[in-house]
Amino acid sequence: LMVGEAYERHELTSVEAPAQRYRDELEQWSERYWNHPLAPTWDRSRLWSRFPALPSRTRQFAETWIDGINDLGAGAPADSVELRKLIGDR
């Protein structure tokens, strides 16, 4: 989404409306997440046990993303300053 927004700011035109496309996809993902019966209380320890070699920085990024989504609730992740900062820093 953020790359699509930058693309549009620079008035590039070979891809039509990339920011809106990714905004829509992120919204759909968020809806699926919040419609899942375990969200936001799923057991993350099971997830991490399946990926023991995952770098700690990657795991921390994912944990921070999940916490951010959970804190946001069913709001729009595309508009979250905190999540955008997380992505930008990564």
Protein backbone atom coordinates (compact mmCIF):
# COMPACT_ATOMS: atom_id res chain seq x y z
CA LEU A 1 0.00 0.00 0.00
CA MET A 2 2.70 2.46 0.98
CA VAL A 3 4.74 1.66 -2.13
CA GLY A 4 1.59 2.12 -4.23
CA GLU A 5 1.01 5.49 -2.59
CA ALA A 6 4.58 6.56 -3.36
CA TYR A 7 4.14 5.34 -6.92
CA GLU A 8 1.09 7.56 -7.30
CA ARG A 9 2.77 10.56 -5.66
CA HIS A 10 5.46 10.34 -8.32
CA GLU A 11 2.71 10.28 -10.97
CA LEU A 12 3.77 6.93 -12.39
CA THR A 13 1.04 5.47 -14.56
CA SER A 14 1.87 1.98 -15.80
CA VAL A 15 -0.18 0.44 -12.97
CA GLU A 16 -3.67 1.78 -12.45
CA ALA A 17 -4.65 2.80 -8.88
CA PRO A 18 -2.17 0.56 -7.02
CA ALA A 19 -2.78 2.23 -3.67
CA GLN A 20 -6.53 1.61 -3.78
CA ARG A 21 -5.99 -1.99 -4.82
CA TYR A 22 -3.76 -2.68 -1.81
CA ARG A 23 -6.00 -0.65 0.51
CA ASP A 24 -8.92 -2.87 -0.56
CA GLU A 25 -6.87 -6.04 -0.07
CA LEU A 26 -5.75 -4.95 3.39
CA GLU A 27 -9.36 -4.18 4.32
CA GLN A 28 -10.46 -7.63 3.12
CA TRP A 29 -7.65 -9.26 5.10
CA SER A 30 -8.70 -7.35 8.23
CA GLU A 31 -12.32 -8.43 7.78
CA ARG A 32 -11.25 -12.08 7.47
CA TYR A 33 -9.08 -11.73 10.58
CA TRP A 34 -11.87 -10.23 12.69
CA ASN A 35 -14.41 -12.76 11.42
CA HIS A 36 -12.22 -15.65 12.52
CA PRO A 37 -13.52 -17.20 15.74
CA LEU A 38 -10.11 -17.11 17.46
CA ALA A 39 -9.25 -13.48 16.70
CA PRO A 40 -7.79 -11.77 18.67
CA THR A 41 -7.19 -14.48 21.27
CA TRP A 42 -5.41 -17.14 19.24
CA ASP A 43 -2.47 -18.97 20.75
CA ARG A 44 0.62 -17.43 19.20
CA SER A 45 2.92 -19.86 20.99
CA ARG A 46 1.64 -22.61 18.67
CA LEU A 47 2.52 -20.44 15.68
CA TRP A 48 6.05 -19.77 16.90
CA SER A 49 6.62 -23.43 17.81
CA ARG A 50 6.10 -24.29 14.14
CA PHE A 51 8.89 -21.89 13.11
CA PRO A 52 11.70 -22.36 15.64
CA ALA A 53 14.38 -21.00 13.30
CA LEU A 54 12.51 -17.76 12.62
CA PRO A 55 14.78 -14.80 13.36
CA SER A 56 13.85 -12.98 16.55
CA ARG A 57 13.50 -9.66 14.69
CA THR A 58 10.97 -11.22 12.32
CA ARG A 59 9.03 -12.68 15.21
CA GLN A 60 9.08 -9.33 17.03
CA PHE A 61 7.82 -7.58 13.89
CA ALA A 62 4.95 -10.06 13.56
CA GLU A 63 4.10 -9.78 17.27
CA THR A 64 4.04 -5.98 17.04
CA TRP A 65 1.86 -6.17 13.90
CA ILE A 66 -0.59 -8.55 15.59
CA ASP A 67 -0.71 -6.39 18.73
CA GLY A 68 -1.31 -3.32 16.56
CA ILE A 69 -4.15 -5.01 14.70
CA ASN A 70 -5.68 -6.18 17.96
CA ASP A 71 -5.37 -2.71 19.51
CA LEU A 72 -6.94 -1.17 16.43
CA GLY A 73 -9.91 -3.48 16.59
CA ALA A 74 -12.01 -3.72 13.47
CA GLY A 75 -10.70 -0.32 12.32
CA ALA A 76 -8.85 0.29 9.08
CA PRO A 77 -5.23 -0.89 9.32
CA ALA A 78 -4.39 1.16 6.21
CA ASP A 79 -5.04 4.35 8.19
CA SER A 80 -3.13 3.38 11.35
CA VAL A 81 -0.19 5.70 11.99
CA GLU A 82 1.41 3.08 14.25
CA LEU A 83 1.15 0.25 11.72
CA ARG A 84 2.44 2.47 8.93
CA LYS A 85 5.41 3.41 11.10
CA LEU A 86 6.04 -0.26 11.86
CA ILE A 87 6.06 -1.09 8.15
CA GLY A 88 8.18 1.93 7.29
CA ASP A 89 10.74 1.07 9.98
CA ARG A 90 10.92 -2.54 8.82
